[in-house]
Amino acid sequence: MADNEFSQPNRPQDTPRQDSVAAPSADELALRRRVSDLEREEVADVLREAAGEGRLSYTELEDRLETLYSAKTYGELVEIASDLPNGPTLAAGAAAIAPVSHASPGPGMTVHAPVINVFLSDQKRIGNWIAPQRQEVNAVLGDVTLDYTEAQVPYNEIYIDVKSILADVKIRVPRNAIVHLDSNPILGSVSEQDSVLGAVEEPPSAPKIFHIRGTAILGEIKIKRGPRLTKRLGLT
């Protein structure tokens, strides 16, 4: 009898082999996650606190801050501060992968402040600029000037959080401003000065309230009142 291909027992067809690729674990996703400016600032606070406690030298602090501000992923943040108390952990990074609601902020919800980061450079906010209600300043080996005397300030109360490390930070407020200063100098200085030379008339208005929290490590934070000297003398 001639061989008949249909007389052979049925066998399962060979299927092409598919190499399975394992999905990344939650830990791997956490380490790959891109980080925000706020998360960098939280780690920067950990580094500064560690330096204040003597866990890091100021050279180490500067090196780590420089690396921190160029970090892109959460894994880099963990590596920078893994040997310090309160540093970022893998568990916290994995928890942050949970879906995030994009609903508009409601009453009582926190609105994060814009951040000015200065390292071996300087920044100025002067003239007719629009000031946010909350402002964070982190200066390392640099200079920062915030001048609110000519700024547009659509708020009755302003909150400023300043950290100065081997840096000079100047905050100039209107002459009639009310300043609540919470200072923490560590081998540095935080001072509030009054300008009396060449006073100029300021339009009558309700005084703004400035809540200023300053930490100075081998640096200076100065709060001054009234317009700049050049403005008072009519040079600008």
Protein backbone atom coordinates (compact mmCIF):
# COMPACT_ATOMS: atom_id res chain seq x y z
CA MET A 1 0.00 0.00 0.00
CA ALA A 2 1.33 3.38 -0.90
CA ASP A 3 2.30 5.56 1.94
CA ASN A 4 -0.45 8.03 2.67
CA GLU A 5 0.42 11.09 4.59
CA PHE A 6 -3.06 11.08 6.05
CA SER A 7 -2.53 7.60 7.54
CA GLN A 8 0.07 8.83 9.99
CA PRO A 9 -1.05 9.41 13.58
CA ASN A 10 -2.00 12.93 14.35
CA ARG A 11 0.77 14.79 16.10
CA PRO A 12 0.68 18.28 17.51
CA GLN A 13 2.14 20.76 15.09
CA ASP A 14 5.51 22.16 16.08
CA THR A 15 5.01 25.75 17.08
CA PRO A 16 7.65 28.42 16.62
CA ARG A 17 9.66 29.02 19.77
CA GLN A 18 8.97 32.35 21.38
CA ASP A 19 11.55 33.73 23.75
CA SER A 20 9.67 35.23 26.66
CA VAL A 21 10.94 38.52 28.03
CA ALA A 22 10.31 38.98 31.71
CA ALA A 23 8.56 42.19 32.61
CA PRO A 24 10.64 44.51 34.78
CA SER A 25 10.02 44.18 38.49
CA ALA A 26 8.62 46.95 40.64
CA ASP A 27 12.10 47.56 42.04
CA GLU A 28 13.58 47.93 38.55
CA LEU A 29 10.83 50.33 37.54
CA ALA A 30 11.41 52.34 40.71
CA LEU A 31 15.12 52.72 39.96
CA ARG A 32 14.43 53.76 36.36
CA ARG A 33 11.75 56.31 37.27
CA ARG A 34 12.56 59.91 36.32
CA VAL A 35 12.70 62.23 39.29
CA SER A 36 11.34 65.72 39.84
CA ASP A 37 12.99 68.88 41.14
CA LEU A 38 11.08 68.44 44.40
CA GLU A 39 12.57 64.96 44.94
CA ARG A 40 16.06 66.33 44.27
CA GLU A 41 15.46 69.03 46.87
CA GLU A 42 14.31 66.48 49.44
CA VAL A 43 17.57 64.57 48.99
CA ALA A 44 19.51 67.86 49.09
CA ASP A 45 17.96 68.52 52.52
CA VAL A 46 19.17 65.09 53.67
CA LEU A 47 22.70 65.90 52.48
CA ARG A 48 22.75 69.31 54.16
CA GLU A 49 21.45 67.86 57.42
CA ALA A 50 24.14 65.17 57.28
CA ALA A 51 26.82 67.82 56.76
CA GLY A 52 25.49 69.81 59.70
CA GLU A 53 25.76 66.68 61.87
CA GLY A 54 29.32 66.01 60.73
CA ARG A 55 28.50 62.90 58.70
CA LEU A 56 29.79 64.55 55.51
CA SER A 57 32.64 66.96 54.99
CA TYR A 58 31.83 70.15 53.12
CA THR A 59 33.85 68.88 50.17
CA GLU A 60 31.75 65.72 50.10
CA LEU A 61 28.60 67.82 50.41
CA GLU A 62 29.54 69.98 47.43
CA ASP A 63 30.44 66.92 45.31
CA ARG A 64 27.19 65.14 46.14
CA LEU A 65 25.05 68.23 45.56
CA GLU A 66 26.64 68.72 42.16
CA THR A 67 25.89 65.09 41.28
CA LEU A 68 22.39 65.36 42.74
CA TYR A 69 21.28 68.32 40.64
CA SER A 70 22.25 66.45 37.45
CA ALA A 71 20.54 63.20 38.52
CA LYS A 72 17.78 61.95 36.22
CA THR A 73 16.53 58.72 37.81
CA TYR A 74 15.48 57.59 41.26
CA GLY A 75 18.27 55.02 41.28
CA GLU A 76 20.80 57.85 41.13
CA LEU A 77 19.18 59.50 44.15
CA VAL A 78 19.40 56.24 46.11
CA GLU A 79 23.10 55.91 45.24
CA ILE A 80 23.89 59.48 46.31
CA ALA A 81 22.42 59.22 49.81
CA SER A 82 22.07 55.50 50.55
CA ASP A 83 24.66 55.71 53.35
CA LEU A 84 22.83 58.48 55.21
CA PRO A 85 19.87 58.47 57.62
CA ASN A 86 16.58 59.46 55.99
CA GLY A 87 18.02 58.91 52.52
CA PRO A 88 15.79 57.68 49.66
CA THR A 89 14.97 53.96 49.77
CA LEU A 90 13.95 51.46 47.15
CA ALA A 91 10.67 50.81 48.96
CA ALA A 92 9.75 54.49 48.83
CA GLY A 93 10.61 54.60 45.14
CA ALA A 94 8.41 51.60 44.39
CA ALA A 95 5.51 53.17 46.28
CA ALA A 96 5.81 56.29 44.13
CA ILE A 97 5.02 54.27 40.98
CA ALA A 98 1.36 54.00 42.01
CA PRO A 99 -1.03 55.80 39.66
CA VAL A 100 -1.20 59.52 40.30
CA SER A 101 -4.39 61.53 40.19
CA HIS A 102 -4.26 64.60 37.98
CA ALA A 103 -7.19 66.32 39.62
CA SER A 104 -6.88 69.99 40.37
CA PRO A 105 -5.63 70.83 43.87
CA GLY A 106 -8.43 71.22 46.36
CA PRO A 107 -8.67 73.10 49.65
CA GLY A 108 -5.88 72.17 52.04
CA MET A 109 -3.74 70.50 49.35
CA THR A 110 -0.05 71.46 49.25
CA VAL A 111 1.25 73.45 46.29
CA HIS A 112 4.99 72.98 45.81
CA ALA A 113 7.13 76.08 45.70
CA PRO A 114 9.31 77.02 42.73
CA VAL A 115 12.99 76.45 43.42
CA ILE A 116 16.08 78.54 42.69
CA ASN A 117 19.19 76.35 42.64
CA VAL A 118 22.56 78.09 42.47
CA PHE A 119 25.94 76.36 42.37
CA LEU A 120 29.07 78.41 41.65
CA SER A 121 26.89 81.06 39.98
CA ASP A 122 24.41 83.81 40.79
CA GLN A 123 20.77 84.62 40.17
CA LYS A 124 18.76 87.81 40.66
CA ARG A 125 15.06 88.59 40.79
CA ILE A 126 14.82 92.37 40.66
CA GLY A 127 12.62 95.02 39.10
CA ASN A 128 9.04 94.37 38.00
CA TRP A 129 8.90 90.58 38.31
CA ILE A 130 5.94 88.44 39.30
CA ALA A 131 6.68 86.88 42.70
CA PRO A 132 5.22 83.49 43.68
CA GLN A 133 3.64 83.06 47.09
CA ARG A 134 6.18 80.39 48.01
CA GLN A 135 9.84 80.39 47.02
CA GLU A 136 12.70 78.03 47.82
CA VAL A 137 16.34 79.05 47.42
CA ASN A 138 19.29 76.67 47.57
CA ALA A 139 22.64 78.39 47.09
CA VAL A 140 26.06 76.74 47.20
CA LEU A 141 29.13 78.91 46.57
CA GLY A 142 27.03 81.51 44.79
CA ASP A 143 24.90 84.64 45.18
CA VAL A 144 21.13 85.08 45.08
CA THR A 145 19.18 88.33 45.23
CA LEU A 146 15.40 88.52 45.68
CA ASP A 147 14.09 92.09 45.54
CA TYR A 148 10.38 92.41 46.34
CA THR A 149 10.30 96.22 46.50
CA GLU A 150 9.26 96.61 42.84
CA ALA A 151 7.85 93.13 42.27
CA GLN A 152 4.24 92.27 41.58
CA VAL A 153 3.16 90.43 44.72
CA PRO A 154 -0.53 89.42 44.50
CA TYR A 155 -0.49 87.81 47.96
CA ASN A 156 -0.77 89.15 51.49
CA GLU A 157 1.63 86.54 52.87
CA ILE A 158 4.83 85.26 51.23
CA TYR A 159 6.81 82.20 52.31
CA ILE A 160 10.54 81.94 51.57
CA ASP A 161 12.75 78.99 52.51
CA VAL A 162 16.48 79.67 52.07
CA LYS A 163 19.49 77.38 52.42
CA SER A 164 22.88 79.03 52.01
CA ILE A 165 26.12 77.04 51.98
CA LEU A 166 29.21 79.21 51.51
CA ALA A 167 26.88 81.56 49.65
CA ASP A 168 25.42 85.06 49.97
CA VAL A 169 21.63 85.42 49.78
CA LYS A 170 19.96 88.84 49.92
CA ILE A 171 16.22 89.33 50.33
CA ARG A 172 14.91 92.89 50.01
CA VAL A 173 11.36 93.51 51.22
CA PRO A 174 9.16 96.65 51.16
CA ARG A 175 9.84 99.15 53.93
CA ASN A 176 6.53 98.49 55.68
CA ALA A 177 6.69 94.69 55.37
CA ILE A 178 6.18 92.49 58.40
CA VAL A 179 8.94 89.87 58.60
CA HIS A 180 8.73 86.65 60.59
CA LEU A 181 12.26 85.25 60.56
CA ASP A 182 13.13 81.70 61.58
CA SER A 183 16.91 81.38 61.39
CA ASN A 184 19.34 78.51 61.79
CA PRO A 185 22.93 79.67 61.25
CA ILE A 186 25.67 77.03 61.39
CA LEU A 187 29.02 78.85 61.32
CA GLY A 188 27.16 81.43 59.22
CA SER A 189 24.87 84.41 59.76
CA VAL A 190 21.22 85.32 59.22
CA SER A 191 20.47 89.00 59.75
CA GLU A 192 17.68 91.51 59.25
CA GLN A 193 18.79 95.03 58.41
CA ASP A 194 17.00 98.32 58.02
CA SER A 195 17.78 100.89 55.33
CA VAL A 196 17.64 104.49 56.49
CA LEU A 197 19.70 106.42 53.97
CA GLY A 198 17.91 108.41 51.28
CA ALA A 199 14.39 107.20 51.99
CA VAL A 200 11.87 107.46 49.15
CA GLU A 201 8.11 107.61 49.34
CA GLU A 202 6.32 104.33 48.95
CA PRO A 203 2.66 104.13 47.94
CA PRO A 204 0.40 103.54 50.94
CA SER A 205 -0.72 99.94 51.04
CA ALA A 206 -1.41 97.17 53.51
CA PRO A 207 1.88 95.63 54.64
CA LYS A 208 2.88 92.28 53.20
CA ILE A 209 3.82 89.53 55.62
CA PHE A 210 7.02 87.63 54.83
CA HIS A 211 7.64 84.27 56.50
CA ILE A 212 11.34 83.62 55.99
CA ARG A 213 13.12 80.47 57.13
CA GLY A 214 16.87 80.63 56.70
CA THR A 215 19.63 78.05 57.19
CA ALA A 216 23.17 79.36 56.67
CA ILE A 217 26.14 76.99 56.73
CA LEU A 218 29.31 79.05 56.41
CA GLY A 219 27.16 81.48 54.43
CA GLU A 220 25.10 84.64 54.84
CA ILE A 221 21.42 85.45 54.54
CA LYS A 222 20.54 89.14 54.73
CA ILE A 223 17.05 90.62 54.87
CA LYS A 224 16.96 94.30 53.92
CA ARG A 225 14.13 96.83 53.81
CA GLY A 226 13.22 99.44 51.28
CA PRO A 227 14.44 100.06 47.72
CA ARG A 228 18.03 99.56 46.62
CA LEU A 229 20.49 102.41 47.23
CA THR A 230 20.55 103.34 43.54
CA LYS A 231 16.76 103.58 43.60
CA ARG A 232 16.73 105.67 46.79
CA LEU A 233 19.27 108.09 45.33
CA GLY A 234 17.30 108.37 42.09
CA LEU A 235 20.05 106.81 39.99
CA THR A 236 17.72 104.27 38.38
